[in-house]
Amino acid sequence: MSENEELVPTGTAAQRIGVHRGTLVRWWQRGLVAPALITPGGQARWDVDNLKRQLRDLREEGSG
């Protein structure tokens, strides 16, 4: 986890990267991105910096 970044719920993570919550959930369900933590209740918690890195890596894979 990033030093200055807390783990945030899915809706907050989606907002911070500029997509709808449902879009982030679909990406997660398809295995394109992974949360930093899944709570015992099944809720995802995201490190936004790590999520941005995952998306950047996906774009690079797709363009190569």
Protein backbone atom coordinates (compact mmCIF):
# COMPACT_ATOMS: atom_id res chain seq x y z
CA MET A 1 0.00 0.00 0.00
CA SER A 2 1.21 3.48 -0.76
CA GLU A 3 2.60 5.42 2.16
CA ASN A 4 0.07 8.27 1.93
CA GLU A 5 -2.87 6.25 0.65
CA GLU A 6 -5.52 4.53 2.72
CA LEU A 7 -7.61 1.63 1.54
CA VAL A 8 -10.92 2.91 0.21
CA PRO A 9 -14.22 1.26 -0.73
CA THR A 10 -15.10 0.52 -4.34
CA GLY A 11 -17.25 3.62 -4.88
CA THR A 12 -14.50 5.93 -3.64
CA ALA A 13 -11.83 4.17 -5.71
CA ALA A 14 -14.00 4.42 -8.82
CA GLN A 15 -14.59 8.12 -8.22
CA ARG A 16 -10.87 8.76 -7.79
CA ILE A 17 -10.04 7.13 -11.13
CA GLY A 18 -12.99 8.73 -12.92
CA VAL A 19 -15.20 5.72 -13.67
CA HIS A 20 -18.61 4.54 -12.48
CA ARG A 21 -18.62 2.15 -9.53
CA GLY A 22 -20.24 -0.54 -11.68
CA THR A 23 -17.39 -0.30 -14.19
CA LEU A 24 -14.79 -0.95 -11.52
CA VAL A 25 -16.84 -3.87 -10.19
CA ARG A 26 -17.03 -5.38 -13.71
CA TRP A 27 -13.27 -5.00 -14.19
CA TRP A 28 -12.75 -6.75 -10.85
CA GLN A 29 -15.20 -9.56 -11.72
CA ARG A 30 -13.40 -10.10 -15.05
CA GLY A 31 -10.04 -10.34 -13.29
CA LEU A 32 -8.64 -7.21 -14.92
CA VAL A 33 -7.92 -5.51 -11.59
CA ALA A 34 -7.70 -6.73 -8.02
CA PRO A 35 -8.41 -4.94 -4.75
CA ALA A 36 -5.73 -4.64 -2.10
CA LEU A 37 -7.99 -6.33 0.43
CA ILE A 38 -11.30 -8.14 0.61
CA THR A 39 -12.95 -7.84 4.01
CA PRO A 40 -14.39 -10.89 5.79
CA GLY A 41 -17.79 -9.63 4.62
CA GLY A 42 -16.66 -9.72 0.98
CA GLN A 43 -16.22 -5.97 0.50
CA ALA A 44 -13.31 -4.77 -1.63
CA ARG A 45 -10.87 -2.18 -0.35
CA TRP A 46 -8.63 -0.46 -2.85
CA ASP A 47 -5.23 1.22 -2.79
CA VAL A 48 -5.91 3.84 -5.47
CA ASP A 49 -2.24 4.23 -6.45
CA ASN A 50 -1.99 0.46 -6.94
CA LEU A 51 -5.24 0.44 -8.92
CA LYS A 52 -3.87 3.14 -11.22
CA ARG A 53 -0.72 1.03 -11.70
CA GLN A 54 -2.83 -2.02 -12.61
CA LEU A 55 -4.73 0.00 -15.20
CA ARG A 56 -1.52 1.48 -16.63
CA ASP A 57 -0.07 -2.05 -16.95
CA LEU A 58 -3.22 -3.22 -18.74
CA ARG A 59 -2.97 -0.36 -21.24
CA GLU A 60 0.69 -1.13 -21.88
CA GLU A 61 -0.07 -4.84 -22.45
CA GLY A 62 -2.83 -3.93 -24.89
CA SER A 63 -0.67 -1.57 -26.91
CA GLY A 64 2.31 -3.91 -27.14
